[in-house]
Protein backbone atom coordinates (compact mmCIF):
# COMPACT_ATOMS: atom_id res chain seq x y z
CA MET A 1 -95.54 -32.08 25.51
CA ARG A 2 -93.50 -28.70 25.31
CA ARG A 3 -89.86 -28.07 26.01
CA ILE A 4 -90.57 -25.32 28.49
CA ASP A 5 -93.15 -28.48 30.63
CA VAL A 6 -89.93 -30.42 30.78
CA ILE A 7 -87.56 -27.59 31.57
CA GLY A 8 -90.19 -26.53 35.48
CA ILE A 9 -90.84 -29.82 35.83
CA SER A 10 -86.81 -30.87 35.98
CA LEU A 11 -86.59 -27.98 38.05
CA GLY A 12 -89.08 -28.28 40.69
CA VAL A 13 -88.01 -31.46 40.44
CA PHE A 14 -84.71 -30.69 41.96
CA VAL A 15 -86.08 -27.39 43.82
CA THR A 16 -88.43 -30.55 45.68
CA GLY A 17 -85.00 -33.00 47.22
CA GLY A 18 -83.09 -29.99 47.39
CA LEU A 19 -85.51 -27.84 49.72
CA THR A 20 -86.74 -31.94 51.30
CA TYR A 21 -83.40 -31.88 52.07
CA LEU A 22 -83.15 -28.67 54.02
CA PHE A 23 -86.14 -29.63 55.83
CA LEU A 24 -84.46 -33.02 57.18
CA GLN A 25 -80.59 -31.19 58.54
CA ASN A 26 -82.92 -28.84 60.18
CA ARG A 27 -84.76 -31.08 61.74
CA GLY A 28 -81.98 -32.85 62.40
CA LEU A 29 -80.43 -35.22 60.23
CA ASP A 30 -76.46 -35.42 59.24
CA GLY A 31 -75.61 -34.39 55.71
CA ILE A 32 -74.70 -38.10 54.98
CA SER A 33 -78.47 -38.66 56.83
CA ALA A 34 -80.33 -36.06 54.98
CA GLY A 35 -79.14 -36.39 51.82
CA ILE A 36 -79.81 -40.90 51.19
CA TRP A 37 -83.10 -40.02 53.08
CA SER A 38 -84.08 -36.71 50.82
CA GLN A 39 -82.73 -39.35 47.34
CA VAL A 40 -85.27 -41.89 48.78
CA VAL A 41 -88.17 -39.26 48.86
CA LEU A 42 -87.37 -38.88 44.66
CA VAL A 43 -87.28 -41.60 43.56
CA GLY A 44 -90.16 -42.96 45.80
CA GLY A 45 -91.64 -40.50 43.57
CA LEU A 46 -90.20 -40.88 40.53
CA LEU A 47 -90.93 -44.79 41.02
CA ALA A 48 -94.77 -43.42 41.86
CA TRP A 49 -94.90 -41.62 38.92
CA ILE A 50 -93.36 -44.25 36.61
CA PHE A 51 -96.14 -47.01 38.03
CA SER A 52 -99.36 -44.31 37.39
CA TYR A 53 -97.88 -43.43 33.91
CA LEU A 54 -97.87 -48.09 33.00
CA LEU A 55 -101.14 -48.86 34.32
CA ARG A 56 -102.72 -45.34 32.61
CA ALA A 57 -100.91 -47.44 29.38
CA LEU A 58 -101.58 -50.55 30.28
CA THR A 59 -105.72 -48.57 31.00
CA GLN A 60 -105.35 -46.96 26.92
CA LYS A 61 -106.20 -43.62 29.77
CA MET A 62 -103.28 -41.64 27.36
CA THR A 63 -104.38 -38.07 25.99
CA TYR A 64 -103.01 -40.02 22.48
CA ASN A 65 -105.68 -42.92 23.30
CA GLN A 66 -108.88 -40.20 24.36
CA GLN A 67 -108.30 -37.83 21.28
CA ILE A 68 -108.76 -40.63 18.74
CA LYS A 69 -111.92 -41.72 20.85
CA ASP A 70 -113.31 -38.16 21.08
CA TYR A 71 -111.90 -37.54 16.79
CA GLN A 72 -113.52 -41.78 16.20
CA GLU A 73 -117.03 -39.70 17.92
CA ALA A 74 -117.03 -37.22 16.54
CA PHE A 75 -116.59 -38.51 12.96
CA LEU A 76 -119.55 -40.97 12.81
CA GLN A 77 -121.87 -38.15 14.73
CA LYS A 78 -121.10 -36.02 11.04
CA ARG A 79 -121.76 -38.84 9.22
CA LEU A 80 -125.31 -39.86 11.05
CA GLU A 81 -126.22 -37.20 10.64
CA SER A 82 -125.60 -35.93 7.19
CA LEU A 83 -127.77 -39.44 6.72
CA THR A 84 -131.15 -39.09 4.65
CA PRO A 85 -134.31 -39.84 6.57
CA GLU A 86 -134.69 -43.52 4.97
CA GLU A 87 -131.24 -44.42 5.05
CA LEU A 88 -131.03 -43.61 9.89
CA GLU A 89 -134.10 -45.98 9.16
CA LYS A 90 -132.67 -48.80 7.32
CA ILE A 91 -129.19 -48.52 9.40
CA THR A 92 -132.06 -48.69 12.69
CA ALA A 93 -133.73 -52.08 11.44
CA GLU A 94 -131.51 -52.98 10.41
CA ILE A 95 -129.21 -53.30 14.69
CA ALA A 96 -133.18 -53.81 15.96
CA GLN A 97 -132.67 -56.82 14.05
CA GLU A 98 -129.09 -58.03 14.68
CA ASN A 99 -130.38 -57.55 18.06
CA SER A 100 -133.02 -59.09 17.86
CA GLN A 101 -131.39 -62.04 16.77
CA PRO A 102 -129.62 -65.19 19.86
CA LYS A 103 -126.59 -64.47 19.77
CA PRO A 104 -124.43 -68.14 20.11
């Protein structure tokens, strides 16, 4: 994440908190209650973000993991393209033989 992204997200959270506070005040809540409820909204959003982050980390759906997977697939595809037809036939036969054997 770039520095400008962090600044933008921080500014967005700050503005959202202020707008939530003003919205709640305009709906009839006093300053203290509006402040408490705007904090509840922001903390709830933070907890939702943390939960989604942990879920992505545990299921390995993170950008880094996807980049590694894409790199490995591209590497294997390039290696496959560089094989001669004889080597490809040999590998295909080996795979077919392994698939035909019963697994314990």
